[in-house]
Amino acid sequence: MWLGMNPKVVIVDEPTKGIDVGARSEIYNILRQLASTGVGVIVISSELVDILSISDRILVMRTGELVASLNNDEANEKNIIEYATGVRK
């Protein structure tokens, strides 16, 4: 229903929490399709697999502050965790 409103930006919070692999793939496809039409898609997730699978750019926050901005090609689980925990600054 909300997609029929032709949004300019969509924010999804934990979009794949508690769902199976098939549904996860479908959600990824919907988000990619939206982005390909020019809709800004912001994904908030604690699941690194979601973040690494869907994102073009990854912003890492720690204690309410932005600590890193990474392009997808430079992001991996290790450096995201290091920024999020304060090991890397």
PDB file of N, CA and C in Angstrom:
ATOM      1  N   MET A   1       0.807  -1.186   0.000  1.00  0.00           N
ATOM      2  CA  MET A   1       0.000   0.000   0.000  1.00  0.00           C
ATOM      3  C   MET A   1       0.863   1.267   0.000  1.00  0.00           C
ATOM      4  N   TRP A   2       1.864   1.341   0.871  1.00  0.00           N
ATOM      5  CA  TRP A   2       2.693   2.534   0.955  1.00  0.00           C
ATOM      6  C   TRP A   2       3.511   2.752  -0.302  1.00  0.00           C
ATOM      7  N   LEU A   3       3.797   1.689  -1.055  1.00  0.00           N
ATOM      8  CA  LEU A   3       4.554   1.866  -2.297  1.00  0.00           C
ATOM      9  C   LEU A   3       3.713   2.553  -3.365  1.00  0.00           C
ATOM     10  N   GLY A   4       2.395   2.428  -3.266  1.00  0.00           N
ATOM     11  CA  GLY A   4       1.498   3.073  -4.214  1.00  0.00           C
ATOM     12  C   GLY A   4       1.444   4.578  -4.064  1.00  0.00           C
ATOM     13  N   MET A   5       2.053   5.100  -3.012  1.00  0.00           N
ATOM     14  CA  MET A   5       2.062   6.542  -2.760  1.00  0.00           C
ATOM     15  C   MET A   5       3.220   7.233  -3.485  1.00  0.00           C
ATOM     16  N   ASN A   6       4.028   6.476  -4.228  1.00  0.00           N
ATOM     17  CA  ASN A   6       5.180   6.997  -4.962  1.00  0.00           C
ATOM     18  C   ASN A   6       6.116   7.813  -4.059  1.00  0.00           C
ATOM     19  N   PRO A   7       6.669   7.171  -3.043  1.00  0.00           N
ATOM     20  CA  PRO A   7       7.539   7.902  -2.114  1.00  0.00           C
ATOM     21  C   PRO A   7       8.859   8.290  -2.769  1.00  0.00           C
ATOM     22  N   LYS A   8       9.493   9.348  -2.239  1.00  0.00           N
ATOM     23  CA  LYS A   8      10.822   9.751  -2.691  1.00  0.00           C
ATOM     24  C   LYS A   8      11.894   9.055  -1.861  1.00  0.00           C
ATOM     25  N   VAL A   9      11.544   8.736  -0.609  1.00  0.00           N
ATOM     26  CA  VAL A   9      12.454   8.057   0.305  1.00  0.00           C
ATOM     27  C   VAL A   9      11.656   7.009   1.074  1.00  0.00           C
ATOM     28  N   VAL A  10      12.257   5.828   1.239  1.00  0.00           N
ATOM     29  CA  VAL A  10      11.661   4.766   2.041  1.00  0.00           C
ATOM     30  C   VAL A  10      12.675   4.389   3.123  1.00  0.00           C
ATOM     31  N   ILE A  11      12.220   4.353   4.357  1.00  0.00           N
ATOM     32  CA  ILE A  11      13.074   3.933   5.469  1.00  0.00           C
ATOM     33  C   ILE A  11      12.513   2.624   6.000  1.00  0.00           C
ATOM     34  N   VAL A  12      13.348   1.585   6.013  1.00  0.00           N
ATOM     35  CA  VAL A  12      12.929   0.288   6.547  1.00  0.00           C
ATOM     36  C   VAL A  12      13.829  -0.076   7.722  1.00  0.00           C
ATOM     37  N   ASP A  13      13.226  -0.469   8.817  1.00  0.00           N
ATOM     38  CA  ASP A  13      13.937  -0.805  10.050  1.00  0.00           C
ATOM     39  C   ASP A  13      13.828  -2.300  10.283  1.00  0.00           C
ATOM     40  N   GLU A  14      14.968  -2.988  10.261  1.00  0.00           N
ATOM     41  CA  GLU A  14      15.029  -4.446  10.438  1.00  0.00           C
ATOM     42  C   GLU A  14      14.056  -5.153   9.485  1.00  0.00           C
ATOM     43  N   PRO A  15      14.189  -4.922   8.167  1.00  0.00           N
ATOM     44  CA  PRO A  15      13.202  -5.437   7.210  1.00  0.00           C
ATOM     45  C   PRO A  15      13.152  -6.959   7.096  1.00  0.00           C
ATOM     46  N   THR A  16      14.185  -7.658   7.520  1.00  0.00           N
ATOM     47  CA  THR A  16      14.186  -9.117   7.359  1.00  0.00           C
ATOM     48  C   THR A  16      14.155  -9.869   8.687  1.00  0.00           C
ATOM     49  N   LYS A  17      13.918  -9.172   9.767  1.00  0.00           N
ATOM     50  CA  LYS A  17      13.928  -9.809  11.084  1.00  0.00           C
ATOM     51  C   LYS A  17      12.808 -10.847  11.182  1.00  0.00           C
ATOM     52  N   GLY A  18      13.190 -12.072  11.495  1.00  0.00           N
ATOM     53  CA  GLY A  18      12.230 -13.141  11.731  1.00  0.00           C
ATOM     54  C   GLY A  18      11.596 -13.748  10.498  1.00  0.00           C
ATOM     55  N   ILE A  19      12.184 -13.539   9.326  1.00  0.00           N
ATOM     56  CA  ILE A  19      11.596 -14.128   8.123  1.00  0.00           C
ATOM     57  C   ILE A  19      12.551 -15.143   7.506  1.00  0.00           C
ATOM     58  N   ASP A  20      12.007 -15.991   6.622  1.00  0.00           N
ATOM     59  CA  ASP A  20      12.830 -17.039   6.023  1.00  0.00           C
ATOM     60  C   ASP A  20      13.650 -16.500   4.849  1.00  0.00           C
ATOM     61  N   VAL A  21      14.547 -17.331   4.353  1.00  0.00           N
ATOM     62  CA  VAL A  21      15.496 -16.932   3.307  1.00  0.00           C
ATOM     63  C   VAL A  21      14.785 -16.494   2.029  1.00  0.00           C
ATOM     64  N   GLY A  22      13.733 -17.180   1.641  1.00  0.00           N
ATOM     65  CA  GLY A  22      13.002 -16.818   0.422  1.00  0.00           C
ATOM     66  C   GLY A  22      12.372 -15.439   0.525  1.00  0.00           C
ATOM     67  N   ALA A  23      11.767 -15.159   1.661  1.00  0.00           N
ATOM     68  CA  ALA A  23      11.154 -13.841   1.872  1.00  0.00           C
ATOM     69  C   ALA A  23      12.230 -12.761   1.941  1.00  0.00           C
ATOM     70  N   ARG A  24      13.365 -13.089   2.517  1.00  0.00           N
ATOM     71  CA  ARG A  24      14.483 -12.139   2.604  1.00  0.00           C
ATOM     72  C   ARG A  24      14.917 -11.729   1.201  1.00  0.00           C
ATOM     73  N   SER A  25      15.047 -12.697   0.323  1.00  0.00           N
ATOM     74  CA  SER A  25      15.446 -12.424  -1.058  1.00  0.00           C
ATOM     75  C   SER A  25      14.415 -11.534  -1.752  1.00  0.00           C
ATOM     76  N   GLU A  26      13.152 -11.780  -1.506  1.00  0.00           N
ATOM     77  CA  GLU A  26      12.091 -10.970  -2.117  1.00  0.00           C
ATOM     78  C   GLU A  26      12.147  -9.525  -1.609  1.00  0.00           C
ATOM     79  N   ILE A  27      12.400  -9.347  -0.334  1.00  0.00           N
ATOM     80  CA  ILE A  27      12.530  -7.990   0.218  1.00  0.00           C
ATOM     81  C   ILE A  27      13.726  -7.281  -0.408  1.00  0.00           C
ATOM     82  N   TYR A  28      14.859  -7.981  -0.543  1.00  0.00           N
ATOM     83  CA  TYR A  28      16.025  -7.393  -1.207  1.00  0.00           C
ATOM     84  C   TYR A  28      15.657  -6.939  -2.614  1.00  0.00           C
ATOM     85  N   ASN A  29      14.943  -7.779  -3.353  1.00  0.00           N
ATOM     86  CA  ASN A  29      14.563  -7.443  -4.728  1.00  0.00           C
ATOM     87  C   ASN A  29      13.669  -6.214  -4.779  1.00  0.00           C
ATOM     88  N   ILE A  30      12.710  -6.116  -3.871  1.00  0.00           N
ATOM     89  CA  ILE A  30      11.816  -4.957  -3.830  1.00  0.00           C
ATOM     90  C   ILE A  30      12.612  -3.687  -3.538  1.00  0.00           C
ATOM     91  N   LEU A  31      13.523  -3.749  -2.564  1.00  0.00           N
ATOM     92  CA  LEU A  31      14.319  -2.574  -2.217  1.00  0.00           C
ATOM     93  C   LEU A  31      15.233  -2.163  -3.359  1.00  0.00           C
ATOM     94  N   ARG A  32      15.840  -3.141  -4.036  1.00  0.00           N
ATOM     95  CA  ARG A  32      16.693  -2.822  -5.189  1.00  0.00           C
ATOM     96  C   ARG A  32      15.883  -2.197  -6.327  1.00  0.00           C
ATOM     97  N   GLN A  33      14.686  -2.742  -6.548  1.00  0.00           N
ATOM     98  CA  GLN A  33      13.820  -2.204  -7.599  1.00  0.00           C
ATOM     99  C   GLN A  33      13.438  -0.760  -7.288  1.00  0.00           C
ATOM    100  N   LEU A  34      13.088  -0.479  -6.054  1.00  0.00           N
ATOM    101  CA  LEU A  34      12.778   0.892  -5.662  1.00  0.00           C
ATOM    102  C   LEU A  34      13.962   1.813  -5.923  1.00  0.00           C
ATOM    103  N   ALA A  35      15.142   1.397  -5.489  1.00  0.00           N
ATOM    104  CA  ALA A  35      16.344   2.216  -5.672  1.00  0.00           C
ATOM    105  C   ALA A  35      16.625   2.457  -7.151  1.00  0.00           C
ATOM    106  N   SER A  36      16.388   1.459  -7.982  1.00  0.00           N
ATOM    107  CA  SER A  36      16.666   1.603  -9.413  1.00  0.00           C
ATOM    108  C   SER A  36      15.732   2.602 -10.091  1.00  0.00           C
ATOM    109  N   THR A  37      14.599   2.909  -9.452  1.00  0.00           N
ATOM    110  CA  THR A  37      13.669   3.894 -10.008  1.00  0.00           C
ATOM    111  C   THR A  37      13.906   5.292  -9.443  1.00  0.00           C
ATOM    112  N   GLY A  38      14.954   5.434  -8.617  1.00  0.00           N
ATOM    113  CA  GLY A  38      15.287   6.737  -8.075  1.00  0.00           C
ATOM    114  C   GLY A  38      14.799   6.997  -6.667  1.00  0.00           C
ATOM    115  N   VAL A  39      14.124   6.036  -6.070  1.00  0.00           N
ATOM    116  CA  VAL A  39      13.672   6.191  -4.691  1.00  0.00           C
ATOM    117  C   VAL A  39      14.875   6.013  -3.764  1.00  0.00           C
ATOM    118  N   GLY A  40      15.026   6.918  -2.806  1.00  0.00           N
ATOM    119  CA  GLY A  40      16.074   6.759  -1.805  1.00  0.00           C
ATOM    120  C   GLY A  40      15.643   5.691  -0.813  1.00  0.00           C
ATOM    121  N   VAL A  41      16.491   4.718  -0.577  1.00  0.00           N
ATOM    122  CA  VAL A  41      16.158   3.623   0.338  1.00  0.00           C
ATOM    123  C   VAL A  41      17.154   3.634   1.491  1.00  0.00           C
ATOM    124  N   ILE A  42      16.642   3.786   2.697  1.00  0.00           N
ATOM    125  CA  ILE A  42      17.468   3.747   3.902  1.00  0.00           C
ATOM    126  C   ILE A  42      17.109   2.480   4.660  1.00  0.00           C
ATOM    127  N   VAL A  43      18.101   1.618   4.854  1.00  0.00           N
ATOM    128  CA  VAL A  43      17.897   0.353   5.554  1.00  0.00           C
ATOM    129  C   VAL A  43      18.603   0.437   6.905  1.00  0.00           C
ATOM    130  N   ILE A  44      17.852   0.219   7.967  1.00  0.00           N
ATOM    131  CA  ILE A  44      18.413   0.162   9.311  1.00  0.00           C
ATOM    132  C   ILE A  44      18.361  -1.297   9.726  1.00  0.00           C
ATOM    133  N   SER A  45      19.512  -1.871  10.028  1.00  0.00           N
ATOM    134  CA  SER A  45      19.524  -3.289  10.368  1.00  0.00           C
ATOM    135  C   SER A  45      20.719  -3.631  11.238  1.00  0.00           C
ATOM    136  N   SER A  46      20.492  -4.556  12.152  1.00  0.00           N
ATOM    137  CA  SER A  46      21.582  -5.097  12.955  1.00  0.00           C
ATOM    138  C   SER A  46      22.157  -6.347  12.292  1.00  0.00           C
ATOM    139  N   GLU A  47      21.559  -6.768  11.184  1.00  0.00           N
ATOM    140  CA  GLU A  47      22.018  -7.941  10.445  1.00  0.00           C
ATOM    141  C   GLU A  47      23.038  -7.514   9.397  1.00  0.00           C
ATOM    142  N   LEU A  48      24.293  -7.845   9.626  1.00  0.00           N
ATOM    143  CA  LEU A  48      25.330  -7.432   8.675  1.00  0.00           C
ATOM    144  C   LEU A  48      25.115  -8.027   7.290  1.00  0.00           C
ATOM    145  N   VAL A  49      24.564  -9.230   7.218  1.00  0.00           N
ATOM    146  CA  VAL A  49      24.309  -9.833   5.909  1.00  0.00           C
ATOM    147  C   VAL A  49      23.335  -8.965   5.114  1.00  0.00           C
ATOM    148  N   ASP A  50      22.331  -8.380   5.786  1.00  0.00           N
ATOM    149  CA  ASP A  50      21.407  -7.475   5.104  1.00  0.00           C
ATOM    150  C   ASP A  50      22.147  -6.251   4.598  1.00  0.00           C
ATOM    151  N   ILE A  51      22.912  -5.643   5.472  1.00  0.00           N
ATOM    152  CA  ILE A  51      23.624  -4.419   5.127  1.00  0.00           C
ATOM    153  C   ILE A  51      24.570  -4.648   3.955  1.00  0.00           C
ATOM    154  N   LEU A  52      25.348  -5.709   4.005  1.00  0.00           N
ATOM    155  CA  LEU A  52      26.321  -5.972   2.950  1.00  0.00           C
ATOM    156  C   LEU A  52      25.656  -6.423   1.648  1.00  0.00           C
ATOM    157  N   SER A  53      24.487  -7.026   1.733  1.00  0.00           N
ATOM    158  CA  SER A  53      23.803  -7.528   0.542  1.00  0.00           C
ATOM    159  C   SER A  53      23.068  -6.452  -0.233  1.00  0.00           C
ATOM    160  N   ILE A  54      22.577  -5.443   0.448  1.00  0.00           N
ATOM    161  CA  ILE A  54      21.665  -4.503  -0.188  1.00  0.00           C
ATOM    162  C   ILE A  54      22.231  -3.098  -0.365  1.00  0.00           C
ATOM    163  N   SER A  55      23.240  -2.733   0.387  1.00  0.00           N
ATOM    164  CA  SER A  55      23.661  -1.327   0.458  1.00  0.00           C
ATOM    165  C   SER A  55      24.682  -0.923  -0.590  1.00  0.00           C
ATOM    166  N   ASP A  56      24.531   0.310  -1.075  1.00  0.00           N
ATOM    167  CA  ASP A  56      25.555   0.943  -1.906  1.00  0.00           C
ATOM    168  C   ASP A  56      26.547   1.675  -1.010  1.00  0.00           C
ATOM    169  N   ARG A  57      26.010   2.278   0.058  1.00  0.00           N
ATOM    170  CA  ARG A  57      26.841   3.005   1.015  1.00  0.00           C
ATOM    171  C   ARG A  57      26.372   2.631   2.413  1.00  0.00           C
ATOM    172  N   ILE A  58      27.330   2.474   3.316  1.00  0.00           N
ATOM    173  CA  ILE A  58      27.039   2.021   4.671  1.00  0.00           C
ATOM    174  C   ILE A  58      27.537   3.077   5.656  1.00  0.00           C
ATOM    175  N   LEU A  59      26.637   3.546   6.494  1.00  0.00           N
ATOM    176  CA  LEU A  59      26.990   4.487   7.549  1.00  0.00           C
ATOM    177  C   LEU A  59      26.989   3.716   8.860  1.00  0.00           C
ATOM    178  N   VAL A  60      28.076   3.814   9.592  1.00  0.00           N
ATOM    179  CA  VAL A  60      28.211   3.089  10.858  1.00  0.00           C
ATOM    180  C   VAL A  60      28.106   4.086  11.994  1.00  0.00           C
ATOM    181  N   MET A  61      27.241   3.773  12.960  1.00  0.00           N
ATOM    182  CA  MET A  61      27.066   4.650  14.110  1.00  0.00           C
ATOM    183  C   MET A  61      27.476   3.923  15.386  1.00  0.00           C
ATOM    184  N   ARG A  62      28.016   4.711  16.315  1.00  0.00           N
ATOM    185  CA  ARG A  62      28.372   4.185  17.642  1.00  0.00           C
ATOM    186  C   ARG A  62      27.995   5.260  18.653  1.00  0.00           C
ATOM    187  N   THR A  63      27.307   4.849  19.686  1.00  0.00           N
ATOM    188  CA  THR A  63      26.835   5.752  20.748  1.00  0.00           C
ATOM    189  C   THR A  63      26.180   7.009  20.184  1.00  0.00           C
ATOM    190  N   GLY A  64      25.342   6.816  19.154  1.00  0.00           N
ATOM    191  CA  GLY A  64      24.575   7.914  18.591  1.00  0.00           C
ATOM    192  C   GLY A  64      25.320   8.836  17.652  1.00  0.00           C
ATOM    193  N   GLU A  65      26.559   8.509  17.329  1.00  0.00           N
ATOM    194  CA  GLU A  65      27.346   9.357  16.434  1.00  0.00           C
ATOM    195  C   GLU A  65      27.815   8.575  15.210  1.00  0.00           C
ATOM    196  N   LEU A  66      27.866   9.267  14.085  1.00  0.00           N
ATOM    197  CA  LEU A  66      28.383   8.681  12.859  1.00  0.00           C
ATOM    198  C   LEU A  66      29.890   8.522  12.983  1.00  0.00           C
ATOM    199  N   VAL A  67      30.384   7.278  12.818  1.00  0.00           N
ATOM    200  CA  VAL A  67      31.819   7.033  12.952  1.00  0.00           C
ATOM    201  C   VAL A  67      32.471   6.592  11.644  1.00  0.00           C
ATOM    202  N   ALA A  68      31.666   6.200  10.651  1.00  0.00           N
ATOM    203  CA  ALA A  68      32.248   5.774   9.370  1.00  0.00           C
ATOM    204  C   ALA A  68      31.216   5.848   8.261  1.00  0.00           C
ATOM    205  N   SER A  69      31.686   6.169   7.080  1.00  0.00           N
ATOM    206  CA  SER A  69      30.887   6.121   5.866  1.00  0.00           C
ATOM    207  C   SER A  69      31.686   5.297   4.859  1.00  0.00           C
ATOM    208  N   LEU A  70      31.140   4.148   4.479  1.00  0.00           N
ATOM    209  CA  LEU A  70      31.865   3.201   3.626  1.00  0.00           C
ATOM    210  C   LEU A  70      31.078   2.914   2.356  1.00  0.00           C
ATOM    211  N   ASN A  71      31.761   2.855   1.235  1.00  0.00           N
ATOM    212  CA  ASN A  71      31.141   2.338   0.021  1.00  0.00           C
ATOM    213  C   ASN A  71      31.067   0.825   0.159  1.00  0.00           C
ATOM    214  N   ASN A  72      30.121   0.220  -0.532  1.00  0.00           N
ATOM    215  CA  ASN A  72      29.947  -1.225  -0.412  1.00  0.00           C
ATOM    216  C   ASN A  72      31.213  -1.997  -0.751  1.00  0.00           C
ATOM    217  N   ASP A  73      31.985  -1.527  -1.731  1.00  0.00           N
ATOM    218  CA  ASP A  73      33.182  -2.264  -2.135  1.00  0.00           C
ATOM    219  C   ASP A  73      34.301  -2.207  -1.101  1.00  0.00           C
ATOM    220  N   GLU A  74      34.259  -1.280  -0.155  1.00  0.00           N
ATOM    221  CA  GLU A  74      35.266  -1.228   0.895  1.00  0.00           C
ATOM    222  C   GLU A  74      34.762  -1.759   2.235  1.00  0.00           C
ATOM    223  N   ALA A  75      33.496  -2.149   2.275  1.00  0.00           N
ATOM    224  CA  ALA A  75      32.901  -2.625   3.527  1.00  0.00           C
ATOM    225  C   ALA A  75      32.956  -4.145   3.625  1.00  0.00           C
ATOM    226  N   ASN A  76      33.217  -4.609   4.816  1.00  0.00           N
ATOM    227  CA  ASN A  76      33.110  -6.036   5.131  1.00  0.00           C
ATOM    228  C   ASN A  76      32.741  -6.151   6.611  1.00  0.00           C
ATOM    229  N   GLU A  77      32.386  -7.354   7.042  1.00  0.00           N
ATOM    230  CA  GLU A  77      31.949  -7.540   8.425  1.00  0.00           C
ATOM    231  C   GLU A  77      32.994  -7.057   9.419  1.00  0.00           C
ATOM    232  N   LYS A  78      34.250  -7.371   9.151  1.00  0.00           N
ATOM    233  CA  LYS A  78      35.323  -7.030  10.089  1.00  0.00           C
ATOM    234  C   LYS A  78      35.434  -5.523  10.305  1.00  0.00           C
ATOM    235  N   ASN A  79      35.519  -4.740   9.218  1.00  0.00           N
ATOM    236  CA  ASN A  79      35.708  -3.308   9.445  1.00  0.00           C
ATOM    237  C   ASN A  79      34.442  -2.616   9.948  1.00  0.00           C
ATOM    238  N   ILE A  80      33.260  -3.104   9.595  1.00  0.00           N
ATOM    239  CA  ILE A  80      32.028  -2.541  10.161  1.00  0.00           C
ATOM    240  C   ILE A  80      32.000  -2.770  11.670  1.00  0.00           C
ATOM    241  N   ILE A  81      32.318  -3.972  12.106  1.00  0.00           N
ATOM    242  CA  ILE A  81      32.339  -4.279  13.542  1.00  0.00           C
ATOM    243  C   ILE A  81      33.402  -3.457  14.262  1.00  0.00           C
ATOM    244  N   GLU A  82      34.560  -3.304  13.637  1.00  0.00           N
ATOM    245  CA  GLU A  82      35.624  -2.498  14.260  1.00  0.00           C
ATOM    246  C   GLU A  82      35.194  -1.046  14.435  1.00  0.00           C
ATOM    247  N   TYR A  83      34.532  -0.467  13.451  1.00  0.00           N
ATOM    248  CA  TYR A  83      34.041   0.910  13.592  1.00  0.00           C
ATOM    249  C   TYR A  83      32.932   0.969  14.655  1.00  0.00           C
ATOM    250  N   ALA A  84      32.023   0.019  14.620  1.00  0.00           N
ATOM    251  CA  ALA A  84      30.883   0.033  15.541  1.00  0.00           C
ATOM    252  C   ALA A  84      31.311  -0.142  17.003  1.00  0.00           C
ATOM    253  N   THR A  85      32.402  -0.853  17.223  1.00  0.00           N
ATOM    254  CA  THR A  85      32.854  -1.102  18.593  1.00  0.00           C
ATOM    255  C   THR A  85      33.941  -0.135  19.053  1.00  0.00           C
ATOM    256  N   GLY A  86      34.444   0.693  18.140  1.00  0.00           N
ATOM    257  CA  GLY A  86      35.467   1.654  18.513  1.00  0.00           C
ATOM    258  C   GLY A  86      36.889   1.158  18.360  1.00  0.00           C
ATOM    259  N   VAL A  87      37.074  -0.058  17.854  1.00  0.00           N
ATOM    260  CA  VAL A  87      38.423  -0.589  17.624  1.00  0.00           C
ATOM    261  C   VAL A  87      39.100   0.223  16.530  1.00  0.00           C
ATOM    262  N   ARG A  88      38.353   0.584  15.497  1.00  0.00           N
ATOM    263  CA  ARG A  88      38.881   1.380  14.378  1.00  0.00           C
ATOM    264  C   ARG A  88      38.225   2.756  14.454  1.00  0.00           C
ATOM    265  N   LYS A  89      39.013   3.783  14.213  1.00  0.00           N
ATOM    266  CA  LYS A  89      38.473   5.144  14.251  1.00  0.00           C
ATOM    267  C   LYS A  89      38.789   5.887  12.986  1.00  0.00           C
TER     268      LYS A  89
END
